[in-house]
């Protein structure tokens, strides 16, 4: 059986996760206040707008593959790629 980052087996980790409170129709979640930060032309935080962010999974030394992936992420709707 595989171990997760806490050293638990998958079955134990699932049981531990199930014990946490899950948001339901009676549980209201409040968003904490954040400061808006501008990264280029994209504003992150500070309001109700959600920014779609992604990370490149290519070897960044492979410029062609990384460029291709960044363009694909942009076409898929990502507003920021790290």
N, C-alpha and C. Protein backbone atom coordinates (compact mmCIF):
# COMPACT_ATOMS: atom_id res chain seq x y z
N UNK A 1 0.84 -1.18 0.00
CA UNK A 1 0.00 0.00 0.00
C UNK A 1 0.89 1.24 0.00
N UNK A 2 0.56 2.24 -0.85
CA UNK A 2 1.34 3.47 -0.93
C UNK A 2 1.12 4.35 0.29
N UNK A 3 2.10 5.17 0.56
CA UNK A 3 2.03 6.09 1.69
C UNK A 3 1.86 7.51 1.16
N UNK A 4 1.10 8.33 1.91
CA UNK A 4 0.97 9.73 1.52
C UNK A 4 2.00 10.56 2.27
N UNK A 5 1.95 11.89 2.13
CA UNK A 5 2.96 12.77 2.72
C UNK A 5 2.95 12.75 4.25
N UNK A 6 1.90 12.24 4.88
CA UNK A 6 1.86 12.16 6.35
C UNK A 6 2.31 10.80 6.84
N UNK A 7 2.71 9.89 5.93
CA UNK A 7 3.14 8.56 6.32
C UNK A 7 1.98 7.61 6.52
N UNK A 8 0.77 8.01 6.12
CA UNK A 8 -0.41 7.16 6.27
C UNK A 8 -0.62 6.35 5.00
N UNK A 9 -1.23 5.20 5.15
CA UNK A 9 -1.64 4.43 3.99
C UNK A 9 -2.83 5.12 3.34
N UNK A 10 -3.13 4.76 2.11
CA UNK A 10 -4.24 5.43 1.40
C UNK A 10 -5.56 5.30 2.14
N UNK A 11 -5.86 4.13 2.71
CA UNK A 11 -7.13 3.93 3.42
C UNK A 11 -7.18 4.82 4.66
N UNK A 12 -6.08 4.91 5.40
CA UNK A 12 -6.05 5.76 6.59
C UNK A 12 -6.21 7.23 6.21
N UNK A 13 -5.52 7.65 5.15
CA UNK A 13 -5.60 9.05 4.72
C UNK A 13 -7.02 9.39 4.31
N UNK A 14 -7.70 8.46 3.62
CA UNK A 14 -9.09 8.69 3.21
C UNK A 14 -10.00 8.85 4.41
N UNK A 15 -9.79 8.01 5.42
CA UNK A 15 -10.60 8.09 6.63
C UNK A 15 -10.34 9.40 7.37
N UNK A 16 -9.08 9.83 7.42
CA UNK A 16 -8.74 11.08 8.09
C UNK A 16 -9.37 12.26 7.36
N UNK A 17 -9.37 12.23 6.03
CA UNK A 17 -9.96 13.31 5.25
C UNK A 17 -11.47 13.35 5.38
N UNK A 18 -12.09 12.16 5.52
CA UNK A 18 -13.54 12.10 5.64
C UNK A 18 -14.02 12.69 6.96
N UNK A 19 -13.16 12.70 7.97
CA UNK A 19 -13.55 13.22 9.27
C UNK A 19 -13.63 14.75 9.28
N UNK A 20 -13.00 15.42 8.33
CA UNK A 20 -13.05 16.88 8.27
C UNK A 20 -14.43 17.35 7.84
N UNK A 21 -14.83 18.51 8.35
CA UNK A 21 -16.13 19.08 7.98
C UNK A 21 -16.13 19.45 6.50
N UNK A 22 -17.14 19.06 5.82
CA UNK A 22 -17.30 19.38 4.40
C UNK A 22 -18.37 20.46 4.28
N UNK A 23 -18.15 21.46 3.40
CA UNK A 23 -19.17 22.49 3.24
C UNK A 23 -20.46 21.89 2.70
N UNK A 24 -21.54 22.24 3.29
CA UNK A 24 -22.84 21.76 2.85
C UNK A 24 -23.81 22.91 2.75
N UNK A 25 -25.07 22.63 2.52
CA UNK A 25 -26.04 23.70 2.34
C UNK A 25 -26.22 24.57 3.58
N UNK A 26 -25.90 24.05 4.77
CA UNK A 26 -26.08 24.83 6.00
C UNK A 26 -24.81 25.52 6.45
N UNK A 27 -23.67 25.21 5.85
CA UNK A 27 -22.41 25.81 6.26
C UNK A 27 -22.06 26.95 5.30
N UNK A 28 -21.94 28.15 5.83
CA UNK A 28 -21.58 29.29 5.01
C UNK A 28 -20.09 29.57 5.17
N UNK A 29 -19.42 29.73 4.07
CA UNK A 29 -18.00 30.04 4.09
C UNK A 29 -17.82 31.53 3.83
N UNK A 30 -16.92 32.16 4.55
CA UNK A 30 -16.63 33.56 4.30
C UNK A 30 -15.23 33.68 3.72
N UNK A 31 -15.06 34.56 2.77
CA UNK A 31 -13.76 34.78 2.15
C UNK A 31 -13.01 35.81 2.96
N UNK A 32 -11.75 35.56 3.18
CA UNK A 32 -10.97 36.55 3.92
C UNK A 32 -10.56 37.68 2.98
N UNK A 33 -10.39 38.85 3.55
CA UNK A 33 -10.03 40.03 2.78
C UNK A 33 -8.57 39.93 2.33
N UNK A 34 -8.32 40.25 1.08
CA UNK A 34 -6.95 40.22 0.55
C UNK A 34 -6.64 41.55 -0.13
N UNK A 35 -5.38 41.80 -0.34
CA UNK A 35 -4.93 43.00 -1.01
C UNK A 35 -4.75 42.71 -2.50
N UNK A 36 -5.24 43.60 -3.34
CA UNK A 36 -5.08 43.43 -4.78
C UNK A 36 -3.62 43.70 -5.17
N UNK A 37 -3.07 42.81 -5.99
CA UNK A 37 -1.71 42.95 -6.49
C UNK A 37 -1.76 42.83 -8.00
N UNK A 38 -1.12 43.75 -8.69
CA UNK A 38 -1.11 43.75 -10.16
C UNK A 38 0.15 43.05 -10.64
N UNK A 39 -0.02 42.02 -11.48
CA UNK A 39 1.09 41.30 -12.11
C UNK A 39 0.91 41.49 -13.61
N UNK A 40 1.68 42.41 -14.18
CA UNK A 40 1.47 42.76 -15.58
C UNK A 40 0.11 43.39 -15.74
N UNK A 41 -0.74 42.83 -16.59
CA UNK A 41 -2.08 43.37 -16.81
C UNK A 41 -3.14 42.62 -16.00
N UNK A 42 -2.73 41.68 -15.14
CA UNK A 42 -3.68 40.86 -14.37
C UNK A 42 -3.65 41.29 -12.91
N UNK A 43 -4.83 41.54 -12.33
CA UNK A 43 -4.93 41.86 -10.91
C UNK A 43 -5.32 40.60 -10.17
N UNK A 44 -4.52 40.25 -9.14
CA UNK A 44 -4.77 39.05 -8.34
C UNK A 44 -5.17 39.49 -6.94
N UNK A 45 -6.27 38.95 -6.42
CA UNK A 45 -6.73 39.25 -5.07
C UNK A 45 -7.49 40.56 -5.00
N UNK A 46 -8.02 40.85 -3.79
CA UNK A 46 -8.66 42.12 -3.54
C UNK A 46 -10.11 42.23 -3.95
N UNK A 47 -10.68 41.24 -4.59
CA UNK A 47 -12.06 41.35 -5.02
C UNK A 47 -12.65 40.01 -5.38
N UNK A 48 -13.85 40.04 -5.93
CA UNK A 48 -14.56 38.80 -6.23
C UNK A 48 -14.05 38.07 -7.48
N UNK A 49 -13.23 38.71 -8.29
CA UNK A 49 -12.77 38.10 -9.53
C UNK A 49 -11.77 36.98 -9.24
N UNK A 50 -11.94 35.86 -9.90
CA UNK A 50 -11.03 34.74 -9.76
C UNK A 50 -10.11 34.72 -10.97
N UNK A 51 -8.80 34.60 -10.73
CA UNK A 51 -7.82 34.56 -11.81
C UNK A 51 -7.40 33.12 -12.02
N UNK A 52 -7.48 32.64 -13.26
CA UNK A 52 -7.06 31.29 -13.58
C UNK A 52 -5.55 31.29 -13.75
N UNK A 53 -4.86 30.49 -12.91
CA UNK A 53 -3.40 30.43 -12.94
C UNK A 53 -2.97 29.00 -13.23
N UNK A 54 -1.83 28.85 -13.86
CA UNK A 54 -1.29 27.54 -14.19
C UNK A 54 0.21 27.54 -13.99
N UNK A 55 0.78 26.35 -13.97
CA UNK A 55 2.23 26.19 -13.90
C UNK A 55 2.67 25.33 -15.08
N UNK A 56 3.79 25.70 -15.67
CA UNK A 56 4.34 24.90 -16.76
C UNK A 56 4.87 23.59 -16.18
N UNK A 57 4.64 22.50 -16.88
CA UNK A 57 5.13 21.20 -16.42
C UNK A 57 6.29 20.70 -17.28
N UNK A 58 6.73 21.54 -18.20
CA UNK A 58 7.84 21.15 -19.07
C UNK A 58 9.17 21.48 -18.41
N UNK A 59 10.23 20.91 -18.95
CA UNK A 59 11.59 21.28 -18.53
C UNK A 59 11.82 22.67 -19.11
N UNK A 60 12.00 23.68 -18.25
CA UNK A 60 12.10 25.05 -18.75
C UNK A 60 13.36 25.28 -19.57
N UNK A 61 14.31 24.36 -19.55
CA UNK A 61 15.48 24.46 -20.43
C UNK A 61 15.08 24.16 -21.88
N UNK A 62 13.94 23.46 -22.05
CA UNK A 62 13.41 23.16 -23.39
C UNK A 62 12.50 24.32 -23.77
N UNK A 63 13.09 25.36 -24.35
CA UNK A 63 12.38 26.60 -24.64
C UNK A 63 11.20 26.37 -25.59
N UNK A 64 11.38 25.57 -26.61
CA UNK A 64 10.31 25.34 -27.59
C UNK A 64 9.10 24.68 -26.93
N UNK A 65 9.32 23.64 -26.12
CA UNK A 65 8.22 22.94 -25.46
C UNK A 65 7.53 23.84 -24.44
N UNK A 66 8.31 24.62 -23.70
CA UNK A 66 7.74 25.51 -22.69
C UNK A 66 6.91 26.61 -23.36
N UNK A 67 7.42 27.18 -24.44
CA UNK A 67 6.69 28.22 -25.17
C UNK A 67 5.38 27.65 -25.71
N UNK A 68 5.44 26.45 -26.28
CA UNK A 68 4.25 25.80 -26.82
C UNK A 68 3.22 25.59 -25.70
N UNK A 69 3.69 25.12 -24.53
CA UNK A 69 2.77 24.86 -23.43
C UNK A 69 2.15 26.15 -22.88
N UNK A 70 2.93 27.20 -22.75
CA UNK A 70 2.41 28.49 -22.28
C UNK A 70 1.34 29.01 -23.24
N UNK A 71 1.58 28.90 -24.53
CA UNK A 71 0.58 29.34 -25.52
C UNK A 71 -0.70 28.51 -25.41
N UNK A 72 -0.55 27.18 -25.22
CA UNK A 72 -1.72 26.30 -25.07
C UNK A 72 -2.51 26.65 -23.81
N UNK A 73 -1.80 26.93 -22.71
CA UNK A 73 -2.47 27.30 -21.47
C UNK A 73 -3.23 28.62 -21.64
N UNK A 74 -2.64 29.56 -22.36
CA UNK A 74 -3.31 30.83 -22.63
C UNK A 74 -4.56 30.65 -23.46
N UNK A 75 -4.48 29.78 -24.47
CA UNK A 75 -5.65 29.50 -25.32
C UNK A 75 -6.74 28.79 -24.53
N UNK A 76 -6.34 28.02 -23.51
CA UNK A 76 -7.32 27.30 -22.68
C UNK A 76 -7.95 28.20 -21.62
N UNK A 77 -7.45 29.44 -21.48
CA UNK A 77 -8.07 30.38 -20.56
C UNK A 77 -7.23 30.79 -19.37
N UNK A 78 -6.00 30.29 -19.27
CA UNK A 78 -5.15 30.69 -18.15
C UNK A 78 -4.73 32.13 -18.33
N UNK A 79 -4.84 32.92 -17.24
CA UNK A 79 -4.48 34.33 -17.30
C UNK A 79 -3.07 34.57 -16.79
N UNK A 80 -2.49 33.60 -16.10
CA UNK A 80 -1.15 33.74 -15.55
C UNK A 80 -0.50 32.36 -15.54
N UNK A 81 0.73 32.28 -16.04
CA UNK A 81 1.48 31.03 -16.05
C UNK A 81 2.79 31.23 -15.31
N UNK A 82 3.07 30.38 -14.33
CA UNK A 82 4.32 30.47 -13.55
C UNK A 82 5.28 29.40 -14.00
